[in-house]
Structure formats: C-alpha cells, structure tokens
Amino acid sequence: MLHDRERAAIDGLWTVKISQDARDVPQAQRCRNLEPDSAEFICALAAGCGATSILEIGGSSGISTIALAAAARRTNGRLVSIEIEPARQAESRRTLADLGLADRVDYVLADAGDVLDRFADLQFVLIDCEKQDYIRFFDRLRLAPGAVVVADNILSHDLRDYVRHVRAVPGIQSMTLPVGKGLEVSRIGGDPDSRR
C-alpha cells in the first residue's frame, strides 16, 4: 500500500525524531511520530477495512498522516488530520504535498477536544495524542457501525486505564498488539447503539 517514496519520507521523518530524542530536544519542540512499523500496519488495516472516512488525532509531522492518506488513496476515501502544533502540521502539509497525497487530507489545526463533534460516521480512527486525553477523545468519537479505533503507545506508556475503558464498551472487540510502542486495536460492534 505504501509506495517506496512514502516509505522513504517516513524513514526521513523517523530519523529526525530519533535525532531530536538523542539531542534531548524539549518535548514540546519534538516531533512525536508513530513508529514506521506501526505506520505500515495502520495503512494496511485502514485500507483492508475499506475505510473511506478516516480521522487521526495527533498527526505530528506526518508519519501517520502519510500512512492513512495512502490508505485513503487505496479506498478512494478522505483523511481528517487533527494536530494542535502549527509547525508540525506545516511540515506534514509540505511532505504530503511533495508525495502527491495532499488531495486525500483535510487538515484541522486545533485541539481535538474543540473539534471532534464536527466529524461523524468515522470508519477508522487513530488516537496518538496526549495520553491523558485518550479516554475522553475515544468517548467523543462518532463512529460508524463496525468502525476500527487504533490507539498508539499502549505498552510504552502503560495505558491500562484506556485498555480497560475501551474493553468495557458493550459489543467491542479489542486487543493489544506488540507493534511499535503497542497498539490497542478496537472494532466497534455492528449495532449503532452498542456504545450508548
């Protein structure tokens, strides 16, 4: 699903992130990207699900955005990328324009808490933002029946509260995968009222 140029761009963004970590750049100034292996996985999963309405919370400088835009290209869908940091989103915009993927992405520069209510019938969602917001944002998602929600950093940040919360939702199927820093992959039941 990802083309060689897209993989090269992901590798370049990852190299920047690793360099920032090694130089101990302040957290607020660092790119906070999804790992390349996780990007490959979410691209294949979103495309394999046939998702045409895709949303990411926390696009950072673009690794996950590349992956999900490539999935949207495959399904003839759209990606909404929410990012709160203007410099990170600007880098993502440049990278996706260079890759020819910008036409698949609607960028939203905002706190996700202020804009999530605008989006409904979501078929695939990636949550990769401030960890204390995972549960709050999950609960505000307006998902289509059968939607898939993926949350990153489950193992690296020991997000047991999020996992317990999601798995308590009636009709949900959810599992933690040891991909990247740990992904919680949750499929919402087919009943539109299963989350109420």
N, C-alpha and C. Protein backbone atom coordinates (compact mmCIF):
# COMPACT_ATOMS: atom_id res chain seq x y z
N MET A 1 0.80 -1.19 0.00
CA MET A 1 0.00 0.00 0.00
C MET A 1 0.85 1.26 0.00
N LEU A 2 1.90 1.28 0.83
CA LEU A 2 2.82 2.41 0.81
C LEU A 2 3.79 2.24 -0.35
N HIS A 3 4.01 3.31 -1.08
CA HIS A 3 4.98 3.30 -2.16
C HIS A 3 6.38 3.57 -1.61
N ASP A 4 7.40 3.30 -2.41
CA ASP A 4 8.78 3.47 -1.95
C ASP A 4 9.06 4.91 -1.51
N ARG A 5 8.56 5.90 -2.25
CA ARG A 5 8.79 7.30 -1.87
C ARG A 5 8.13 7.62 -0.52
N GLU A 6 6.99 7.02 -0.27
CA GLU A 6 6.29 7.24 1.00
C GLU A 6 7.07 6.60 2.15
N ARG A 7 7.59 5.40 1.91
CA ARG A 7 8.42 4.76 2.94
C ARG A 7 9.68 5.57 3.21
N ALA A 8 10.28 6.11 2.16
CA ALA A 8 11.48 6.93 2.32
C ALA A 8 11.16 8.19 3.12
N ALA A 9 10.03 8.81 2.86
CA ALA A 9 9.62 10.00 3.63
C ALA A 9 9.39 9.64 5.09
N ILE A 10 8.74 8.52 5.33
CA ILE A 10 8.52 8.06 6.71
C ILE A 10 9.86 7.83 7.40
N ASP A 11 10.79 7.17 6.71
CA ASP A 11 12.11 6.93 7.31
C ASP A 11 12.82 8.25 7.62
N GLY A 12 12.69 9.24 6.72
CA GLY A 12 13.31 10.54 6.96
C GLY A 12 12.72 11.24 8.17
N LEU A 13 11.41 11.22 8.30
CA LEU A 13 10.75 11.82 9.46
C LEU A 13 11.13 11.10 10.75
N TRP A 14 11.24 9.77 10.68
CA TRP A 14 11.63 9.00 11.86
C TRP A 14 13.06 9.32 12.28
N THR A 15 13.95 9.50 11.30
CA THR A 15 15.34 9.86 11.60
C THR A 15 15.40 11.19 12.33
N VAL A 16 14.60 12.16 11.91
CA VAL A 16 14.54 13.45 12.59
C VAL A 16 14.07 13.26 14.03
N LYS A 17 13.04 12.45 14.23
CA LYS A 17 12.50 12.22 15.58
C LYS A 17 13.56 11.58 16.49
N ILE A 18 14.26 10.57 15.97
CA ILE A 18 15.29 9.88 16.75
C ILE A 18 16.43 10.86 17.10
N SER A 19 16.80 11.70 16.15
CA SER A 19 17.84 12.70 16.38
C SER A 19 17.42 13.69 17.47
N GLN A 20 16.16 14.11 17.42
CA GLN A 20 15.66 15.02 18.45
C GLN A 20 15.70 14.37 19.82
N ASP A 21 15.31 13.11 19.88
CA ASP A 21 15.36 12.38 21.15
C ASP A 21 16.79 12.29 21.68
N ALA A 22 17.74 11.97 20.79
CA ALA A 22 19.14 11.80 21.19
C ALA A 22 19.74 13.12 21.68
N ARG A 23 19.30 14.23 21.09
CA ARG A 23 19.80 15.55 21.48
C ARG A 23 19.03 16.13 22.66
N ASP A 24 18.05 15.37 23.15
CA ASP A 24 17.23 15.79 24.29
C ASP A 24 16.55 17.14 24.03
N VAL A 25 16.03 17.29 22.80
CA VAL A 25 15.25 18.47 22.45
C VAL A 25 14.04 18.50 23.38
N PRO A 26 13.66 19.67 23.88
CA PRO A 26 12.49 19.74 24.77
C PRO A 26 11.26 19.08 24.13
N GLN A 27 10.51 18.37 24.95
CA GLN A 27 9.36 17.58 24.48
C GLN A 27 8.41 18.40 23.61
N ALA A 28 8.15 19.64 23.99
CA ALA A 28 7.20 20.48 23.25
C ALA A 28 7.69 20.79 21.83
N GLN A 29 9.00 20.69 21.60
CA GLN A 29 9.57 21.00 20.30
C GLN A 29 9.83 19.76 19.44
N ARG A 30 9.68 18.59 20.03
CA ARG A 30 9.98 17.35 19.31
C ARG A 30 8.82 16.93 18.41
N CYS A 31 9.19 16.26 17.32
CA CYS A 31 8.19 15.53 16.53
C CYS A 31 7.79 14.32 17.36
N ARG A 32 6.52 14.02 17.39
CA ARG A 32 6.04 12.92 18.23
C ARG A 32 5.29 11.96 17.33
N ASN A 33 6.07 11.25 16.54
CA ASN A 33 5.51 10.45 15.47
C ASN A 33 5.32 8.98 15.83
N LEU A 34 4.40 8.39 15.11
CA LEU A 34 4.18 6.96 15.10
C LEU A 34 5.41 6.27 14.53
N GLU A 35 5.73 5.08 15.03
CA GLU A 35 6.87 4.32 14.52
C GLU A 35 6.59 3.83 13.10
N PRO A 36 7.63 3.69 12.27
CA PRO A 36 7.43 3.21 10.90
C PRO A 36 6.69 1.87 10.80
N ASP A 37 6.99 0.91 11.67
CA ASP A 37 6.27 -0.37 11.62
C ASP A 37 4.79 -0.19 11.91
N SER A 38 4.47 0.68 12.84
CA SER A 38 3.07 0.95 13.15
C SER A 38 2.38 1.65 11.98
N ALA A 39 3.12 2.51 11.29
CA ALA A 39 2.56 3.20 10.12
C ALA A 39 2.20 2.20 9.03
N GLU A 40 3.09 1.25 8.77
CA GLU A 40 2.80 0.21 7.78
C GLU A 40 1.53 -0.56 8.17
N PHE A 41 1.44 -0.88 9.45
CA PHE A 41 0.31 -1.66 9.94
C PHE A 41 -1.01 -0.89 9.79
N ILE A 42 -1.05 0.37 10.23
CA ILE A 42 -2.32 1.10 10.15
C ILE A 42 -2.73 1.38 8.71
N CYS A 43 -1.75 1.55 7.85
CA CYS A 43 -2.07 1.73 6.42
C CYS A 43 -2.78 0.50 5.88
N ALA A 44 -2.18 -0.67 6.14
CA ALA A 44 -2.78 -1.92 5.66
C ALA A 44 -4.13 -2.17 6.31
N LEU A 45 -4.25 -1.90 7.61
CA LEU A 45 -5.51 -2.15 8.31
C LEU A 45 -6.62 -1.23 7.81
N ALA A 46 -6.36 0.06 7.70
CA ALA A 46 -7.39 1.00 7.23
C ALA A 46 -7.81 0.67 5.80
N ALA A 47 -6.85 0.36 4.95
CA ALA A 47 -7.18 0.01 3.56
C ALA A 47 -7.92 -1.33 3.52
N GLY A 48 -7.45 -2.29 4.31
CA GLY A 48 -8.09 -3.60 4.33
C GLY A 48 -9.51 -3.57 4.84
N CYS A 49 -9.80 -2.62 5.73
CA CYS A 49 -11.17 -2.45 6.23
C CYS A 49 -12.04 -1.71 5.22
N GLY A 50 -11.42 -1.16 4.19
CA GLY A 50 -12.17 -0.39 3.21
C GLY A 50 -12.63 0.95 3.74
N ALA A 51 -11.93 1.48 4.75
CA ALA A 51 -12.34 2.73 5.39
C ALA A 51 -12.23 3.91 4.41
N THR A 52 -13.31 4.65 4.28
CA THR A 52 -13.30 5.85 3.44
C THR A 52 -13.41 7.12 4.28
N SER A 53 -13.80 6.99 5.54
CA SER A 53 -13.91 8.12 6.46
C SER A 53 -12.93 7.86 7.60
N ILE A 54 -11.75 8.50 7.50
CA ILE A 54 -10.62 8.23 8.39
C ILE A 54 -10.28 9.50 9.15
N LEU A 55 -9.93 9.36 10.43
CA LEU A 55 -9.54 10.50 11.25
C LEU A 55 -8.34 10.13 12.09
N GLU A 56 -7.41 11.07 12.22
CA GLU A 56 -6.30 10.88 13.16
C GLU A 56 -6.28 12.04 14.12
N ILE A 57 -6.06 11.72 15.38
CA ILE A 57 -5.92 12.72 16.44
C ILE A 57 -4.45 12.73 16.82
N GLY A 58 -3.74 13.76 16.39
CA GLY A 58 -2.31 13.86 16.65
C GLY A 58 -1.49 13.42 15.46
N GLY A 59 -1.48 14.20 14.41
CA GLY A 59 -0.74 13.85 13.20
C GLY A 59 0.74 14.15 13.27
N SER A 60 1.16 14.97 14.23
CA SER A 60 2.54 15.42 14.37
C SER A 60 3.08 15.89 13.02
N SER A 61 4.30 15.48 12.66
CA SER A 61 4.90 15.97 11.42
C SER A 61 4.61 15.08 10.23
N GLY A 62 3.82 14.00 10.41
CA GLY A 62 3.29 13.35 9.23
C GLY A 62 3.46 11.87 9.00
N ILE A 63 4.11 11.11 9.87
CA ILE A 63 4.28 9.69 9.58
C ILE A 63 2.92 8.99 9.48
N SER A 64 2.10 9.17 10.49
CA SER A 64 0.78 8.53 10.45
C SER A 64 -0.09 9.13 9.36
N THR A 65 0.10 10.40 9.07
CA THR A 65 -0.68 11.06 8.03
C THR A 65 -0.36 10.46 6.66
N ILE A 66 0.91 10.21 6.40
CA ILE A 66 1.31 9.55 5.15
C ILE A 66 0.62 8.19 5.05
N ALA A 67 0.70 7.41 6.13
CA ALA A 67 0.15 6.05 6.12
C ALA A 67 -1.36 6.07 5.88
N LEU A 68 -2.07 6.94 6.58
CA LEU A 68 -3.52 6.95 6.46
C LEU A 68 -3.98 7.60 5.15
N ALA A 69 -3.24 8.58 4.65
CA ALA A 69 -3.56 9.15 3.34
C ALA A 69 -3.35 8.11 2.24
N ALA A 70 -2.32 7.29 2.38
CA ALA A 70 -2.10 6.21 1.40
C ALA A 70 -3.25 5.21 1.45
N ALA A 71 -3.75 4.91 2.65
CA ALA A 71 -4.92 4.03 2.78
C ALA A 71 -6.13 4.68 2.13
N ALA A 72 -6.32 5.98 2.35
CA ALA A 72 -7.45 6.70 1.74
C ALA A 72 -7.34 6.70 0.22
N ARG A 73 -6.12 6.80 -0.28
CA ARG A 73 -5.93 6.71 -1.74
C ARG A 73 -6.43 5.36 -2.24
N ARG A 74 -6.11 4.33 -1.51
CA ARG A 74 -6.50 2.96 -1.90
C ARG A 74 -8.02 2.77 -1.88
N THR A 75 -8.69 3.40 -0.90
CA THR A 75 -10.14 3.20 -0.74
C THR A 75 -10.97 4.32 -1.38
N ASN A 76 -10.27 5.26 -2.00
CA ASN A 76 -10.93 6.45 -2.54
C ASN A 76 -11.65 7.22 -1.43
N GLY A 77 -10.98 7.31 -0.27
CA GLY A 77 -11.55 7.96 0.90
C GLY A 77 -10.89 9.28 1.23
N ARG A 78 -11.17 9.77 2.44
CA ARG A 78 -10.62 11.03 2.94
C ARG A 78 -10.09 10.81 4.35
N LEU A 79 -9.05 11.55 4.66
CA LEU A 79 -8.46 11.58 5.99
C LEU A 79 -8.62 12.97 6.57
N VAL A 80 -9.10 13.06 7.81
CA VAL A 80 -9.06 14.29 8.58
C VAL A 80 -7.90 14.15 9.57
N SER A 81 -6.95 15.07 9.49
CA SER A 81 -5.77 15.05 10.36
C SER A 81 -5.84 16.22 11.33
N ILE A 82 -6.03 15.91 12.61
CA ILE A 82 -6.10 16.96 13.64
C ILE A 82 -4.75 17.03 14.35
N GLU A 83 -4.18 18.22 14.37
CA GLU A 83 -2.91 18.47 15.06
C GLU A 83 -3.00 19.84 15.72
N ILE A 84 -2.46 19.95 16.92
CA ILE A 84 -2.55 21.20 17.67
C ILE A 84 -1.33 22.10 17.45
N GLU A 85 -0.20 21.54 17.02
CA GLU A 85 1.04 22.29 16.85
C GLU A 85 1.21 22.76 15.41
N PRO A 86 1.20 24.06 15.15
CA PRO A 86 1.26 24.57 13.78
C PRO A 86 2.52 24.16 13.01
N ALA A 87 3.68 24.17 13.65
CA ALA A 87 4.92 23.83 12.93
C ALA A 87 4.91 22.37 12.50
N ARG A 88 4.43 21.50 13.36
CA ARG A 88 4.36 20.08 12.99
C ARG A 88 3.41 19.88 11.82
N GLN A 89 2.24 20.52 11.89
CA GLN A 89 1.28 20.35 10.81
C GLN A 89 1.80 20.95 9.50
N ALA A 90 2.51 22.05 9.58
CA ALA A 90 3.07 22.66 8.37
C ALA A 90 4.06 21.70 7.70
N GLU A 91 4.88 21.02 8.50
CA GLU A 91 5.81 20.04 7.93
C GLU A 91 5.05 18.89 7.28
N SER A 92 3.99 18.43 7.93
CA SER A 92 3.17 17.37 7.37
C SER A 92 2.56 17.80 6.04
N ARG A 93 2.04 19.00 5.99
CA ARG A 93 1.44 19.52 4.75
C ARG A 93 2.45 19.51 3.61
N ARG A 94 3.67 20.00 3.89
CA ARG A 94 4.72 20.04 2.85
C ARG A 94 5.06 18.64 2.37
N THR A 95 5.23 17.73 3.32
CA THR A 95 5.62 16.36 2.96
C THR A 95 4.54 15.69 2.13
N LEU A 96 3.29 15.80 2.55
CA LEU A 96 2.22 15.14 1.79
C LEU A 96 1.98 15.78 0.44
N ALA A 97 2.20 17.08 0.33
CA ALA A 97 2.10 17.73 -0.99
C ALA A 97 3.19 17.18 -1.91
N ASP A 98 4.41 17.05 -1.38
CA ASP A 98 5.53 16.52 -2.17
C ASP A 98 5.26 15.08 -2.62
N LEU A 99 4.56 14.32 -1.79
CA LEU A 99 4.26 12.91 -2.12
C LEU A 99 3.01 12.76 -2.99
N GLY A 100 2.31 13.86 -3.24
CA GLY A 100 1.09 13.78 -4.03
C GLY A 100 -0.10 13.20 -3.27
N LEU A 101 -0.06 13.28 -1.95
CA LEU A 101 -1.14 12.75 -1.11
C LEU A 101 -2.02 13.83 -0.50
N ALA A 102 -1.66 15.09 -0.69
CA ALA A 102 -2.38 16.18 -0.02
C ALA A 102 -3.86 16.23 -0.40
N ASP A 103 -4.19 15.76 -1.59
CA ASP A 103 -5.60 15.80 -2.02
C ASP A 103 -6.47 14.82 -1.26
N ARG A 104 -5.89 13.96 -0.45
CA ARG A 104 -6.64 12.99 0.35
C ARG A 104 -6.85 13.46 1.79
N VAL A 105 -6.26 14.62 2.16
CA VAL A 105 -6.22 15.03 3.57
C VAL A 105 -6.92 16.37 3.78
N ASP A 106 -7.76 16.41 4.81
CA ASP A 106 -8.32 17.66 5.32
C ASP A 106 -7.62 17.94 6.64
N TYR A 107 -6.79 18.98 6.64
CA TYR A 107 -6.03 19.32 7.85
C TYR A 107 -6.87 20.21 8.76
N VAL A 108 -6.82 19.91 10.05
CA VAL A 108 -7.50 20.73 11.06
C VAL A 108 -6.46 21.08 12.11
N LEU A 109 -6.17 22.37 12.23
CA LEU A 109 -5.23 22.86 13.23
C LEU A 109 -6.04 23.30 14.44
N ALA A 110 -6.08 22.43 15.46
CA ALA A 110 -6.93 22.70 16.63
C ALA A 110 -6.66 21.68 17.72
N ASP A 111 -7.17 21.97 18.89
CA ASP A 111 -7.24 20.98 19.95
C ASP A 111 -8.39 20.05 19.57
N ALA A 112 -8.13 18.76 19.54
CA ALA A 112 -9.16 17.81 19.14
C ALA A 112 -10.42 17.93 19.99
N GLY A 113 -10.25 18.28 21.25
CA GLY A 113 -11.40 18.44 22.13
C GLY A 113 -12.37 19.52 21.67
N ASP A 114 -11.87 20.45 20.88
CA ASP A 114 -12.72 21.54 20.38
C ASP A 114 -13.42 21.21 19.07
N VAL A 115 -12.98 20.17 18.37
CA VAL A 115 -13.49 19.93 17.01
C VAL A 115 -14.04 18.53 16.75
N LEU A 116 -13.86 17.60 17.66
CA LEU A 116 -14.28 16.21 17.39
C LEU A 116 -15.76 16.10 17.04
N ASP A 117 -16.58 16.94 17.61
CA ASP A 117 -18.02 16.86 17.36
C ASP A 117 -18.39 17.16 15.91
N ARG A 118 -17.48 17.71 15.13
CA ARG A 118 -17.75 18.02 13.72
C ARG A 118 -17.76 16.78 12.83
N PHE A 119 -17.22 15.68 13.32
CA PHE A 119 -16.99 14.52 12.46
C PHE A 119 -17.83 13.33 12.91
N ALA A 120 -18.54 12.75 11.96
CA ALA A 120 -19.44 11.63 12.27
C ALA A 120 -19.23 10.51 11.26
N ASP A 121 -19.78 9.35 11.59
CA ASP A 121 -19.71 8.17 10.73
C ASP A 121 -18.28 7.80 10.39
N LEU A 122 -17.40 7.95 11.36
CA LEU A 122 -15.99 7.61 11.15
C LEU A 122 -15.82 6.10 11.09
N GLN A 123 -15.05 5.66 10.13
CA GLN A 123 -14.84 4.22 9.93
C GLN A 123 -13.50 3.74 10.46
N PHE A 124 -12.53 4.66 10.57
CA PHE A 124 -11.20 4.30 11.09
C PHE A 124 -10.64 5.52 11.78
N VAL A 125 -10.16 5.33 13.03
CA VAL A 125 -9.60 6.43 13.81
C VAL A 125 -8.29 5.99 14.43
N LEU A 126 -7.29 6.88 14.37
CA LEU A 126 -6.03 6.70 15.09
C LEU A 126 -5.97 7.74 16.19
N ILE A 127 -5.74 7.29 17.43
CA ILE A 127 -5.54 8.19 18.56
C ILE A 127 -4.06 8.13 18.93
N ASP A 128 -3.37 9.26 18.79
CA ASP A 128 -1.94 9.33 19.09
C ASP A 128 -1.63 10.76 19.56
N CYS A 129 -2.14 11.10 20.73
CA CYS A 129 -2.04 12.46 21.25
C CYS A 129 -1.59 12.39 22.70
N GLU A 130 -1.91 13.40 23.47
CA GLU A 130 -1.58 13.38 24.90
C GLU A 130 -2.32 12.22 25.56
N LYS A 131 -1.59 11.42 26.30
CA LYS A 131 -2.14 10.16 26.81
C LYS A 131 -3.33 10.37 27.75
N GLN A 132 -3.35 11.46 28.51
CA GLN A 132 -4.46 11.71 29.42
C GLN A 132 -5.75 12.02 28.68
N ASP A 133 -5.67 12.27 27.38
CA ASP A 133 -6.86 12.58 26.59
C ASP A 133 -7.46 11.37 25.88
N TYR A 134 -6.80 10.23 25.90
CA TYR A 134 -7.26 9.09 25.11
C TYR A 134 -8.71 8.70 25.44
N ILE A 135 -9.02 8.50 26.70
CA ILE A 135 -10.37 8.06 27.08
C ILE A 135 -11.40 9.12 26.72
N ARG A 136 -11.10 10.35 27.04
CA ARG A 136 -12.03 11.45 26.75
C ARG A 136 -12.31 11.55 25.25
N PHE A 137 -11.27 11.46 24.44
CA PHE A 137 -11.47 11.56 22.99
C PHE A 137 -12.17 10.31 22.44
N PHE A 138 -11.81 9.14 22.94
CA PHE A 138 -12.49 7.92 22.50
C PHE A 138 -14.00 8.04 22.72
N ASP A 139 -14.37 8.52 23.90
CA ASP A 139 -15.80 8.63 24.24
C ASP A 139 -16.54 9.65 23.37
N ARG A 140 -15.83 10.57 22.79
CA ARG A 140 -16.47 11.60 21.96
C ARG A 140 -16.52 11.23 20.48
N LEU A 141 -15.89 10.15 20.10
CA LEU A 141 -15.90 9.75 18.69
C LEU A 141 -17.31 9.36 18.25
N ARG A 142 -17.68 9.80 17.06
CA ARG A 142 -18.97 9.44 16.46
C ARG A 142 -18.66 8.46 15.35
N LEU A 143 -18.75 7.19 15.71
CA LEU A 143 -18.25 6.11 14.85
C LEU A 143 -19.37 5.43 14.07
N ALA A 144 -19.02 4.96 12.89
CA ALA A 144 -19.92 4.13 12.10
C ALA A 144 -19.93 2.73 12.69
N PRO A 145 -21.02 1.99 12.52
CA PRO A 145 -21.03 0.60 12.96
C PRO A 145 -19.88 -0.16 12.28
N GLY A 146 -19.16 -0.96 13.07
CA GLY A 146 -18.04 -1.73 12.55
C GLY A 146 -16.75 -0.95 12.45
N ALA A 147 -16.73 0.29 12.95
CA ALA A 147 -15.52 1.13 12.88
C ALA A 147 -14.37 0.50 13.66
N VAL A 148 -13.15 0.88 13.28
CA VAL A 148 -11.94 0.45 13.96
C VAL A 148 -11.25 1.68 14.55
N VAL A 149 -10.88 1.57 15.82
CA VAL A 149 -10.12 2.62 16.51
C VAL A 149 -8.79 2.02 16.94
N VAL A 150 -7.70 2.69 16.58
CA VAL A 150 -6.36 2.26 16.97
C VAL A 150 -5.76 3.33 17.86
N ALA A 151 -5.24 2.93 19.01
CA ALA A 151 -4.57 3.84 19.93
C ALA A 151 -3.11 3.42 20.05
N ASP A 152 -2.20 4.39 19.92
CA ASP A 152 -0.77 4.13 19.98
C ASP A 152 -0.24 4.29 21.40
N ASN A 153 0.98 3.79 21.62
CA ASN A 153 1.72 3.93 22.88
C ASN A 153 1.11 3.16 24.05
N ILE A 154 0.36 2.13 23.77
CA ILE A 154 -0.32 1.38 24.83
C ILE A 154 0.69 0.69 25.75
N LEU A 155 1.73 0.08 25.19
CA LEU A 155 2.71 -0.62 26.01
C LEU A 155 3.77 0.32 26.56
N SER A 156 4.26 1.25 25.75
CA SER A 156 5.34 2.14 26.19
C SER A 156 4.90 3.07 27.33
N HIS A 157 3.62 3.42 27.35
CA HIS A 157 3.12 4.33 28.37
C HIS A 157 2.18 3.64 29.37
N ASP A 158 2.13 2.31 29.30
CA ASP A 158 1.35 1.51 30.24
C ASP A 158 -0.08 2.05 30.39
N LEU A 159 -0.79 2.13 29.27
CA LEU A 159 -2.12 2.75 29.25
C LEU A 159 -3.22 1.73 29.58
N ARG A 160 -3.07 1.10 30.75
CA ARG A 160 -4.04 0.09 31.19
C ARG A 160 -5.43 0.68 31.40
N ASP A 161 -5.51 1.91 31.87
CA ASP A 161 -6.83 2.52 32.10
C ASP A 161 -7.59 2.67 30.78
N TYR A 162 -6.89 3.08 29.73
CA TYR A 162 -7.54 3.19 28.42
C TYR A 162 -8.00 1.81 27.95
N VAL A 163 -7.14 0.82 28.06
CA VAL A 163 -7.48 -0.53 27.62
C VAL A 163 -8.71 -1.04 28.38
N ARG A 164 -8.74 -0.90 29.69
CA ARG A 164 -9.89 -1.34 30.49
C ARG A 164 -11.16 -0.60 30.06
N HIS A 165 -11.03 0.69 29.85
CA HIS A 165 -12.18 1.51 29.47
C HIS A 165 -12.76 1.06 28.14
N VAL A 166 -11.91 0.89 27.16
CA VAL A 166 -12.37 0.50 25.82
C VAL A 166 -12.98 -0.90 25.85
N ARG A 167 -12.34 -1.81 26.54
CA ARG A 167 -12.83 -3.19 26.55
C ARG A 167 -14.12 -3.36 27.33
N ALA A 168 -14.49 -2.35 28.12
CA ALA A 168 -15.75 -2.40 28.86
C ALA A 168 -16.94 -1.97 28.00
N VAL A 169 -16.68 -1.44 26.82
CA VAL A 169 -17.76 -1.00 25.94
C VAL A 169 -18.51 -2.22 25.40
N PRO A 170 -19.83 -2.27 25.56
CA PRO A 170 -20.59 -3.41 25.04
C PRO A 170 -20.40 -3.57 23.53
N GLY A 171 -20.21 -4.81 23.11
CA GLY A 171 -20.12 -5.11 21.69
C GLY A 171 -18.79 -4.82 21.04
N ILE A 172 -17.79 -4.44 21.83
CA ILE A 172 -16.48 -4.12 21.25
C ILE A 172 -15.58 -5.34 21.26
N GLN A 173 -14.76 -5.45 20.25
CA GLN A 173 -13.68 -6.44 20.21
C GLN A 173 -12.39 -5.65 20.23
N SER A 174 -11.49 -5.95 21.17
CA SER A 174 -10.29 -5.14 21.31
C SER A 174 -9.12 -6.00 21.75
N MET A 175 -7.94 -5.68 21.19
CA MET A 175 -6.73 -6.41 21.57
C MET A 175 -5.53 -5.49 21.47
N THR A 176 -4.53 -5.78 22.30
CA THR A 176 -3.27 -5.05 22.26
C THR A 176 -2.29 -5.83 21.39
N LEU A 177 -1.71 -5.13 20.43
CA LEU A 177 -0.72 -5.74 19.54
C LEU A 177 0.66 -5.15 19.84
N PRO A 178 1.70 -6.00 19.93
CA PRO A 178 3.04 -5.51 20.22
C PRO A 178 3.74 -4.98 18.96
N VAL A 179 3.09 -4.05 18.30
CA VAL A 179 3.65 -3.40 17.11
C VAL A 179 4.09 -2.00 17.55
N GLY A 180 5.30 -1.60 17.18
CA GLY A 180 5.80 -0.30 17.61
C GLY A 180 5.81 -0.20 19.12
N LYS A 181 5.19 0.83 19.64
CA LYS A 181 5.12 1.03 21.10
C LYS A 181 3.85 0.45 21.70
N GLY A 182 3.18 -0.41 20.92
CA GLY A 182 1.96 -1.06 21.38
C GLY A 182 0.73 -0.37 20.85
N LEU A 183 -0.09 -1.13 20.13
CA LEU A 183 -1.32 -0.59 19.56
C LEU A 183 -2.52 -1.32 20.14
N GLU A 184 -3.50 -0.58 20.62
CA GLU A 184 -4.78 -1.17 21.00
C GLU A 184 -5.68 -1.01 19.79
N VAL A 185 -6.10 -2.15 19.24
CA VAL A 185 -6.95 -2.16 18.05
C VAL A 185 -8.33 -2.61 18.49
N SER A 186 -9.31 -1.73 18.29
CA SER A 186 -10.67 -1.96 18.77
C SER A 186 -11.65 -1.87 17.61
N ARG A 187 -12.49 -2.87 17.50
CA ARG A 187 -13.54 -2.85 16.48
C ARG A 187 -14.88 -2.69 17.19
N ILE A 188 -15.60 -1.67 16.78
CA ILE A 188 -16.89 -1.36 17.37
C ILE A 188 -17.92 -2.32 16.78
N GLY A 189 -18.82 -2.83 17.60
CA GLY A 189 -19.84 -3.75 17.13
C GLY A 189 -20.71 -3.15 16.03
N GLY A 190 -21.41 -3.99 15.31
CA GLY A 190 -22.24 -3.55 14.21
C GLY A 190 -23.50 -2.82 14.62
N ASP A 191 -23.89 -2.90 15.88
CA ASP A 191 -25.10 -2.22 16.37
C ASP A 191 -24.77 -0.75 16.62
N PRO A 192 -25.44 0.19 15.93
CA PRO A 192 -25.13 1.61 16.12
C PRO A 192 -25.31 2.09 17.55
N ASP A 193 -26.10 1.39 18.35
CA ASP A 193 -26.33 1.79 19.74
C ASP A 193 -25.41 1.08 20.72
N SER A 194 -24.43 0.30 20.21
CA SER A 194 -23.60 -0.52 21.11
C SER A 194 -22.71 0.32 22.02
N ARG A 195 -22.48 1.60 21.71
CA ARG A 195 -21.63 2.44 22.57
C ARG A 195 -22.44 3.30 23.50
N ARG A 196 -23.73 3.15 23.53
CA ARG A 196 -24.55 4.01 24.39
C ARG A 196 -24.80 3.34 25.71
